[in-house]
Amino acid sequence: MYDLIIIGAGPAGLTAALYAGRYRLKTLILEKLAVGGQILLTPGIENFPGFPGGIATDQLIEQMKNQVLDVGVKIDSEEVLKIEETTGIKPSSFIVTTKDGSYMAKSIIVAVGAQTKRLGAEGEDRLAGRGVSYCGTCDGPLFKNKDIVVVGAGDRAIEDALFLTSHARKVTIIHRRQELRASRILQEKARGNKKITFLLDSVLEAILGKDRVEAVRVKNLKTQNISEIPCQGVFVFVGITPSTGFLKGVLQLDEPGFIITNEEMVTSRTGIFACGDCRKKALYQVVNACGEGAVASYSVNKYILETR
């Protein structure tokens, strides 16, 4: 019986584990992919406090992981399939079932993060992996001296567009509005990069090509004109979808699937807490994911003390 099982080992889950370890809660982290989660798709983090000039993402995650191991928290590579509440036991506890077995815990923190959302354009699924990508740092080197398109206008889109200029010949950023959503400093860097051009007030309607990406069809929302832009790669950054499918019927979720909590990270189910990008909120950044992880463990510790 664990005091706490944390599902997910991204920045939120790792911070929650660090605080749980310091509270001396018997804690286990279950992570289905790599420690670090989706943030590993970004090569560096420039806005995490304490690192002027930024820090390599894998370096930051490795340091966080070592802190967690130092306080005695175990990390297992397993995918959680379902959570069930025990019956006939007071206070209630939970059975966490994975592909490899099951665990029992007095409390749970869900920190499963979110996945990159698909655009839904014609040709996207057919050409995924054939020029369509969702990770600039993963696939950028494959587009040496090629023309590529980036769809999106948030921090992730602009960060990856800037990274892609180190490989591509030309990067065209397509966004449905006139104003970008990325931070001003990223916008300034992008507008100052000679390899980047902007196609604003426009939507990508189709990705064209027989066996690989050859062009995109774009519609201007103001003029309704449709044009084709030759390119060899399309990188899509249009938001995130929470990895909460296994929690339907267990926790209260909003329509897109984000977990609804209060400010203490308490969910609709007593004993289950949530933090990070799987949680409904206004800002999705590493810095506030870490803060939420700390709050979640504080709430767990208070809950454990109250139910003893």
Protein backbone atom coordinates (compact mmCIF):
# COMPACT_ATOMS: atom_id res chain seq x y z
CA MET A 1 0.00 0.00 0.00
CA TYR A 2 1.50 3.31 -1.12
CA ASP A 3 0.60 6.62 0.45
CA LEU A 4 0.67 8.14 -3.03
CA ILE A 5 0.90 7.05 -6.65
CA ILE A 6 1.75 9.76 -9.16
CA ILE A 7 0.71 9.03 -12.74
CA GLY A 8 3.06 10.84 -15.08
CA ALA A 9 6.70 11.94 -14.81
CA GLY A 10 6.72 15.29 -16.55
CA PRO A 11 7.72 18.48 -14.71
CA ALA A 12 4.45 18.49 -12.69
CA GLY A 13 4.72 14.85 -11.66
CA LEU A 14 8.42 15.12 -10.82
CA THR A 15 7.86 18.19 -8.66
CA ALA A 16 4.95 16.50 -6.91
CA ALA A 17 7.23 13.51 -6.26
CA LEU A 18 10.00 15.73 -4.89
CA TYR A 19 7.64 17.31 -2.36
CA ALA A 20 5.99 13.97 -1.53
CA GLY A 21 9.40 12.49 -0.83
CA ARG A 22 10.25 15.36 1.45
CA TYR A 23 6.95 14.78 3.29
CA ARG A 24 8.17 11.18 3.69
CA LEU A 25 5.14 9.80 1.92
CA LYS A 26 5.64 6.33 0.46
CA THR A 27 5.41 7.30 -3.19
CA LEU A 28 5.56 5.62 -6.60
CA ILE A 29 5.65 7.31 -10.01
CA LEU A 30 4.21 5.46 -13.02
CA GLU A 31 5.22 6.83 -16.44
CA LYS A 32 4.28 5.14 -19.71
CA LEU A 33 6.90 6.93 -21.84
CA ALA A 34 10.14 8.67 -20.93
CA VAL A 35 10.71 10.63 -17.75
CA GLY A 36 10.11 14.23 -18.75
CA GLY A 37 7.09 13.69 -20.95
CA GLN A 38 6.16 15.93 -23.88
CA ILE A 39 8.51 18.73 -22.82
CA LEU A 40 11.38 16.58 -24.11
CA LEU A 41 10.19 17.45 -27.62
CA THR A 42 11.45 21.00 -26.97
CA PRO A 43 15.26 21.21 -27.03
CA GLY A 44 15.62 24.05 -24.56
CA ILE A 45 13.69 26.13 -22.04
CA GLU A 46 14.44 29.86 -21.93
CA ASN A 47 11.82 31.02 -19.42
CA PHE A 48 12.42 28.70 -16.46
CA PRO A 49 13.59 30.86 -13.53
CA GLY A 50 17.20 30.61 -12.48
CA PHE A 51 18.77 29.83 -15.86
CA PRO A 52 19.79 33.00 -17.71
CA GLY A 53 20.10 32.16 -21.38
CA GLY A 54 18.02 29.02 -20.91
CA ILE A 55 18.81 25.39 -20.17
CA ALA A 56 18.69 22.23 -22.29
CA THR A 57 15.43 20.42 -21.56
CA ASP A 58 17.01 17.00 -21.07
CA GLN A 59 19.50 18.51 -18.63
CA LEU A 60 16.74 20.13 -16.55
CA ILE A 61 14.68 16.93 -16.51
CA GLU A 62 17.71 14.85 -15.52
CA GLN A 63 18.38 17.14 -12.57
CA MET A 64 14.73 16.98 -11.50
CA LYS A 65 14.76 13.18 -11.80
CA ASN A 66 17.91 12.92 -9.65
CA GLN A 67 16.28 15.10 -6.97
CA VAL A 68 13.29 12.76 -6.92
CA LEU A 69 15.46 9.66 -6.63
CA ASP A 70 17.46 11.31 -3.85
CA VAL A 71 14.35 11.55 -1.65
CA GLY A 72 13.56 7.87 -2.14
CA VAL A 73 10.77 7.97 -4.69
CA LYS A 74 10.66 5.05 -7.14
CA ILE A 75 9.92 5.55 -10.84
CA ASP A 76 8.47 2.65 -12.87
CA SER A 77 7.88 2.58 -16.62
CA GLU A 78 4.26 1.44 -16.84
CA GLU A 79 1.09 2.65 -18.54
CA VAL A 80 -1.93 3.10 -16.30
CA LEU A 81 -5.09 1.59 -17.78
CA LYS A 82 -7.65 2.35 -15.07
CA ILE A 83 -8.22 3.57 -11.52
CA GLU A 84 -10.79 1.96 -9.23
CA GLU A 85 -11.81 2.86 -5.71
CA THR A 86 -11.76 0.04 -3.18
CA THR A 87 -14.94 -0.90 -1.32
CA GLY A 88 -15.34 -1.83 2.32
CA ILE A 89 -12.14 -0.09 3.37
CA LYS A 90 -12.15 3.11 5.42
CA PRO A 91 -10.67 5.49 4.50
CA SER A 92 -11.04 4.64 0.83
CA SER A 93 -8.04 3.61 -1.20
CA PHE A 94 -7.44 3.04 -4.89
CA ILE A 95 -6.36 0.21 -7.16
CA VAL A 96 -4.22 1.43 -10.04
CA THR A 97 -4.13 -1.12 -12.86
CA THR A 98 -1.35 -1.11 -15.47
CA LYS A 99 -0.49 -3.40 -18.37
CA ASP A 100 1.87 -5.27 -16.07
CA GLY A 101 -0.07 -5.51 -12.83
CA SER A 102 -1.80 -3.44 -10.17
CA TYR A 103 -0.92 -1.25 -7.18
CA MET A 104 -2.79 0.09 -4.18
CA ALA A 105 -2.56 3.64 -2.88
CA LYS A 106 -4.26 5.86 -0.34
CA SER A 107 -4.14 8.79 -2.78
CA ILE A 108 -3.35 9.58 -6.41
CA ILE A 109 -1.93 12.55 -8.26
CA VAL A 110 -2.74 12.59 -11.96
CA ALA A 111 -0.02 14.39 -13.93
CA VAL A 112 -0.38 12.71 -17.31
CA GLY A 113 0.09 15.86 -19.38
CA ALA A 114 -1.25 16.26 -22.90
CA GLN A 115 -0.50 15.27 -26.48
CA THR A 116 -0.14 17.45 -29.54
CA LYS A 117 -3.48 18.04 -31.25
CA ARG A 118 -3.98 17.11 -34.90
CA LEU A 119 -5.00 19.75 -37.42
CA GLY A 120 -7.70 17.66 -39.12
CA ALA A 121 -6.75 18.81 -42.61
CA GLU A 122 -7.19 16.71 -45.73
CA GLY A 123 -4.09 14.58 -46.32
CA GLU A 124 -2.74 15.00 -42.77
CA ASP A 125 -3.24 11.43 -41.60
CA ARG A 126 -2.16 9.92 -44.93
CA LEU A 127 1.11 11.88 -45.00
CA ALA A 128 1.92 11.70 -41.27
CA GLY A 129 5.53 10.57 -41.07
CA ARG A 130 5.94 11.37 -44.77
CA GLY A 131 6.60 15.05 -44.35
CA VAL A 132 3.94 15.81 -41.74
CA SER A 133 5.41 16.13 -38.26
CA TYR A 134 4.47 17.31 -34.77
CA CYS A 135 8.00 17.76 -33.44
CA GLY A 136 10.54 20.13 -34.94
CA THR A 137 13.44 18.95 -32.81
CA CYS A 138 12.72 15.31 -33.66
CA ASP A 139 12.38 15.67 -37.41
CA GLY A 140 13.98 19.01 -38.28
CA PRO A 141 17.30 17.50 -39.44
CA LEU A 142 15.38 15.52 -42.11
CA PHE A 143 14.50 18.78 -43.87
CA LYS A 144 17.95 20.13 -44.64
CA ASN A 145 17.65 22.91 -47.24
CA LYS A 146 13.93 22.20 -47.72
CA ASP A 147 10.93 24.53 -47.70
CA ILE A 148 8.63 23.83 -44.77
CA VAL A 149 5.37 25.13 -43.31
CA VAL A 150 4.60 25.60 -39.61
CA VAL A 151 0.94 25.77 -38.56
CA GLY A 152 0.32 27.55 -35.26
CA ALA A 153 1.17 30.76 -33.42
CA GLY A 154 1.81 29.86 -29.78
CA ASP A 155 5.14 29.57 -27.98
CA ARG A 156 5.68 25.97 -29.09
CA ALA A 157 5.01 26.80 -32.75
CA ILE A 158 7.35 29.79 -32.82
CA GLU A 159 10.07 28.02 -30.81
CA ASP A 160 10.06 25.13 -33.25
CA ALA A 161 9.92 27.46 -36.26
CA LEU A 162 13.06 29.18 -35.00
CA PHE A 163 14.75 25.84 -34.43
CA LEU A 164 13.78 24.64 -37.90
CA THR A 165 15.54 27.59 -39.54
CA SER A 166 18.83 25.93 -38.60
CA HIS A 167 17.97 23.17 -41.10
CA ALA A 168 15.36 24.42 -43.57
CA ARG A 169 15.86 26.79 -46.47
CA LYS A 170 12.59 28.59 -45.76
CA VAL A 171 9.93 28.44 -43.01
CA THR A 172 6.40 29.76 -43.60
CA ILE A 173 4.24 30.24 -40.51
CA ILE A 174 0.49 29.93 -41.14
CA HIS A 175 -1.98 31.30 -38.60
CA ARG A 176 -5.71 31.91 -38.80
CA ARG A 177 -5.52 35.33 -37.12
CA GLN A 178 -3.52 38.51 -37.64
CA GLU A 179 -1.93 38.43 -34.19
CA LEU A 180 0.38 35.69 -32.94
CA ARG A 181 -0.16 34.18 -29.49
CA ALA A 182 3.49 33.55 -28.65
CA SER A 183 5.39 35.68 -26.15
CA ARG A 184 6.64 38.98 -27.50
CA ILE A 185 10.30 38.00 -27.27
CA LEU A 186 9.68 34.94 -29.45
CA GLN A 187 7.70 37.01 -31.93
CA GLU A 188 10.57 39.49 -32.16
CA LYS A 189 13.06 36.69 -32.82
CA ALA A 190 10.86 35.16 -35.49
CA ARG A 191 10.18 38.44 -37.27
CA GLY A 192 13.88 39.19 -37.24
CA ASN A 193 14.79 35.86 -38.83
CA LYS A 194 15.28 36.18 -42.59
CA LYS A 195 14.29 32.57 -43.21
CA ILE A 196 10.81 33.00 -41.69
CA THR A 197 7.81 34.42 -43.52
CA PHE A 198 4.24 34.78 -42.21
CA LEU A 199 0.95 33.88 -43.83
CA LEU A 200 -1.64 35.36 -41.47
CA ASP A 201 -5.45 35.40 -41.54
CA SER A 202 -5.13 32.05 -43.30
CA VAL A 203 -5.93 28.39 -42.71
CA LEU A 204 -4.31 25.27 -44.11
CA GLU A 205 -7.08 23.31 -45.84
CA ALA A 206 -5.16 20.39 -47.30
CA ILE A 207 -1.73 18.81 -47.41
CA LEU A 208 -0.92 17.66 -50.92
CA GLY A 209 1.36 14.95 -52.24
CA LYS A 210 1.27 11.39 -53.51
CA ASP A 211 3.83 9.60 -51.32
CA ARG A 212 5.33 12.60 -49.54
CA VAL A 213 4.39 16.21 -48.84
CA GLU A 214 4.65 18.30 -51.98
CA ALA A 215 2.53 21.36 -51.19
CA VAL A 216 -0.24 22.77 -49.01
CA ARG A 217 -3.53 24.36 -49.99
CA VAL A 218 -4.21 27.55 -48.02
CA LYS A 219 -7.30 29.73 -47.77
CA ASN A 220 -7.14 33.41 -46.87
CA LEU A 221 -10.01 34.09 -44.47
CA LYS A 222 -10.35 37.75 -45.44
CA THR A 223 -10.22 37.48 -49.24
CA GLN A 224 -11.38 33.83 -49.52
CA ASN A 225 -8.57 33.33 -52.06
CA ILE A 226 -7.11 29.83 -52.22
CA SER A 227 -3.48 29.22 -53.07
CA GLU A 228 -0.99 26.37 -53.13
CA ILE A 229 2.41 26.67 -51.48
CA PRO A 230 5.09 24.19 -52.57
CA CYS A 231 6.86 22.64 -49.57
CA GLN A 232 8.42 19.39 -48.44
CA GLY A 233 7.41 19.46 -44.78
CA VAL A 234 4.48 20.50 -42.59
CA PHE A 235 4.86 20.93 -38.82
CA VAL A 236 1.62 21.20 -36.85
CA PHE A 237 1.38 23.01 -33.47
CA VAL A 238 -2.29 23.84 -32.90
CA GLY A 239 -2.76 23.02 -29.25
CA ILE A 240 -2.87 20.02 -26.98
CA THR A 241 -5.25 17.23 -26.03
CA PRO A 242 -5.08 15.91 -22.45
CA SER A 243 -4.12 12.25 -22.01
CA THR A 244 -7.14 11.58 -19.79
CA GLY A 245 -9.14 9.04 -21.78
CA PHE A 246 -8.77 6.42 -19.04
CA LEU A 247 -10.36 8.81 -16.52
CA LYS A 248 -13.77 9.19 -18.17
CA GLY A 249 -16.38 8.29 -15.58
CA VAL A 250 -13.78 8.53 -12.81
CA LEU A 251 -13.18 12.30 -12.61
CA GLN A 252 -15.04 15.39 -13.73
CA LEU A 253 -13.57 16.52 -17.05
CA ASP A 254 -14.42 19.46 -19.28
CA GLU A 255 -15.50 18.90 -22.90
CA PRO A 256 -11.93 18.62 -24.33
CA GLY A 257 -11.01 16.24 -21.48
CA PHE A 258 -9.05 18.47 -19.11
CA ILE A 259 -9.43 17.62 -15.40
CA ILE A 260 -11.39 20.12 -13.34
CA THR A 261 -9.83 20.95 -9.97
CA ASN A 262 -9.88 23.69 -7.38
CA GLU A 263 -6.86 25.81 -6.44
CA GLU A 264 -5.59 23.06 -4.15
CA MET A 265 -5.52 20.60 -7.08
CA VAL A 266 -8.44 18.64 -5.60
CA THR A 267 -10.52 16.79 -8.20
CA SER A 268 -14.13 15.66 -8.09
CA ARG A 269 -13.07 12.37 -6.46
CA THR A 270 -11.88 12.47 -2.83
CA GLY A 271 -8.29 11.26 -2.62
CA ILE A 272 -7.42 12.03 -6.25
CA PHE A 273 -5.56 15.22 -7.18
CA ALA A 274 -4.32 16.57 -10.53
CA CYS A 275 -1.66 18.94 -11.78
CA GLY A 276 0.15 19.97 -14.95
CA ASP A 277 -1.06 20.11 -18.53
CA CYS A 278 -3.88 17.58 -17.99
CA ARG A 279 -5.61 20.12 -15.72
CA LYS A 280 -8.03 22.81 -16.94
CA LYS A 281 -6.33 26.21 -16.55
CA ALA A 282 -5.32 29.37 -18.38
CA LEU A 283 -1.56 28.90 -18.82
CA TYR A 284 0.30 25.77 -19.89
CA GLN A 285 3.95 26.26 -19.01
CA VAL A 286 6.63 24.25 -17.22
CA VAL A 287 6.94 26.82 -14.44
CA ASN A 288 3.30 26.67 -13.35
CA ALA A 289 3.15 22.88 -13.87
CA CYS A 290 5.91 22.63 -11.26
CA GLY A 291 4.04 24.95 -8.90
CA GLU A 292 0.90 22.86 -9.28
CA GLY A 293 2.89 19.72 -8.51
CA ALA A 294 4.06 21.25 -5.23
CA VAL A 295 0.50 22.26 -4.33
CA ALA A 296 -0.85 18.81 -5.20
CA SER A 297 1.62 17.09 -2.85
CA TYR A 298 0.84 19.60 -0.11
CA SER A 299 -2.85 18.72 -0.50
CA VAL A 300 -2.08 15.00 -0.50
CA ASN A 301 -0.04 15.28 2.68
CA LYS A 302 -2.88 17.18 4.37
CA TYR A 303 -5.37 14.57 3.16
CA ILE A 304 -3.24 11.66 4.44
CA LEU A 305 -2.85 13.31 7.86
CA GLU A 306 -6.59 13.96 8.12
CA THR A 307 -7.57 10.38 7.24
CA ARG A 308 -5.18 8.59 9.60
